[in-house]
Amino acid sequence: MKRKERIPDAIYERGYVYNFHFHLIWVTKYRNPA
């Protein structure tokens, strides 16, 4: 998935938000070892 084509802003923004959300969960999970 290394295609640098003209990606619609909607998909790009959605992917960015998704990545941020996933990162947030990962950080929270790491900070709170169960």
Protein backbone atom coordinates (compact mmCIF):
# COMPACT_ATOMS: atom_id res chain seq x y z
CA MET A 1 0.00 0.00 0.00
CA LYS A 2 2.70 2.48 -1.00
CA ARG A 3 0.76 4.19 -3.77
CA LYS A 4 1.17 7.94 -3.80
CA GLU A 5 -1.72 8.72 -6.10
CA ARG A 6 -4.41 11.37 -5.86
CA ILE A 7 -6.26 10.08 -2.83
CA PRO A 8 -9.57 11.78 -1.97
CA ASP A 9 -9.42 13.95 1.15
CA ALA A 10 -12.22 11.89 2.69
CA ILE A 11 -10.28 8.64 2.52
CA TYR A 12 -7.03 10.31 3.59
CA GLU A 13 -8.66 12.03 6.55
CA ARG A 14 -10.46 8.86 7.55
CA GLY A 15 -7.23 6.87 7.41
CA TYR A 16 -5.42 9.52 9.46
CA VAL A 17 -8.11 9.54 12.14
CA TYR A 18 -8.14 5.73 12.18
CA ASN A 19 -4.37 5.60 12.63
CA PHE A 20 -4.53 8.18 15.41
CA HIS A 21 -7.29 6.24 17.18
CA PHE A 22 -5.34 2.99 16.88
CA HIS A 23 -2.21 4.69 18.18
CA LEU A 24 -4.16 6.15 21.10
CA ILE A 25 -5.47 2.70 22.05
CA TRP A 26 -1.99 1.19 21.70
CA VAL A 27 -0.46 3.85 23.92
CA THR A 28 -3.21 3.48 26.52
CA LYS A 29 -2.80 -0.29 26.49
CA TYR A 30 0.95 0.08 26.91
CA ARG A 31 0.65 2.64 29.69
CA ASN A 32 -1.84 0.46 31.57
CA PRO A 33 -0.40 -3.06 31.71
CA ALA A 34 -3.09 -5.56 32.62
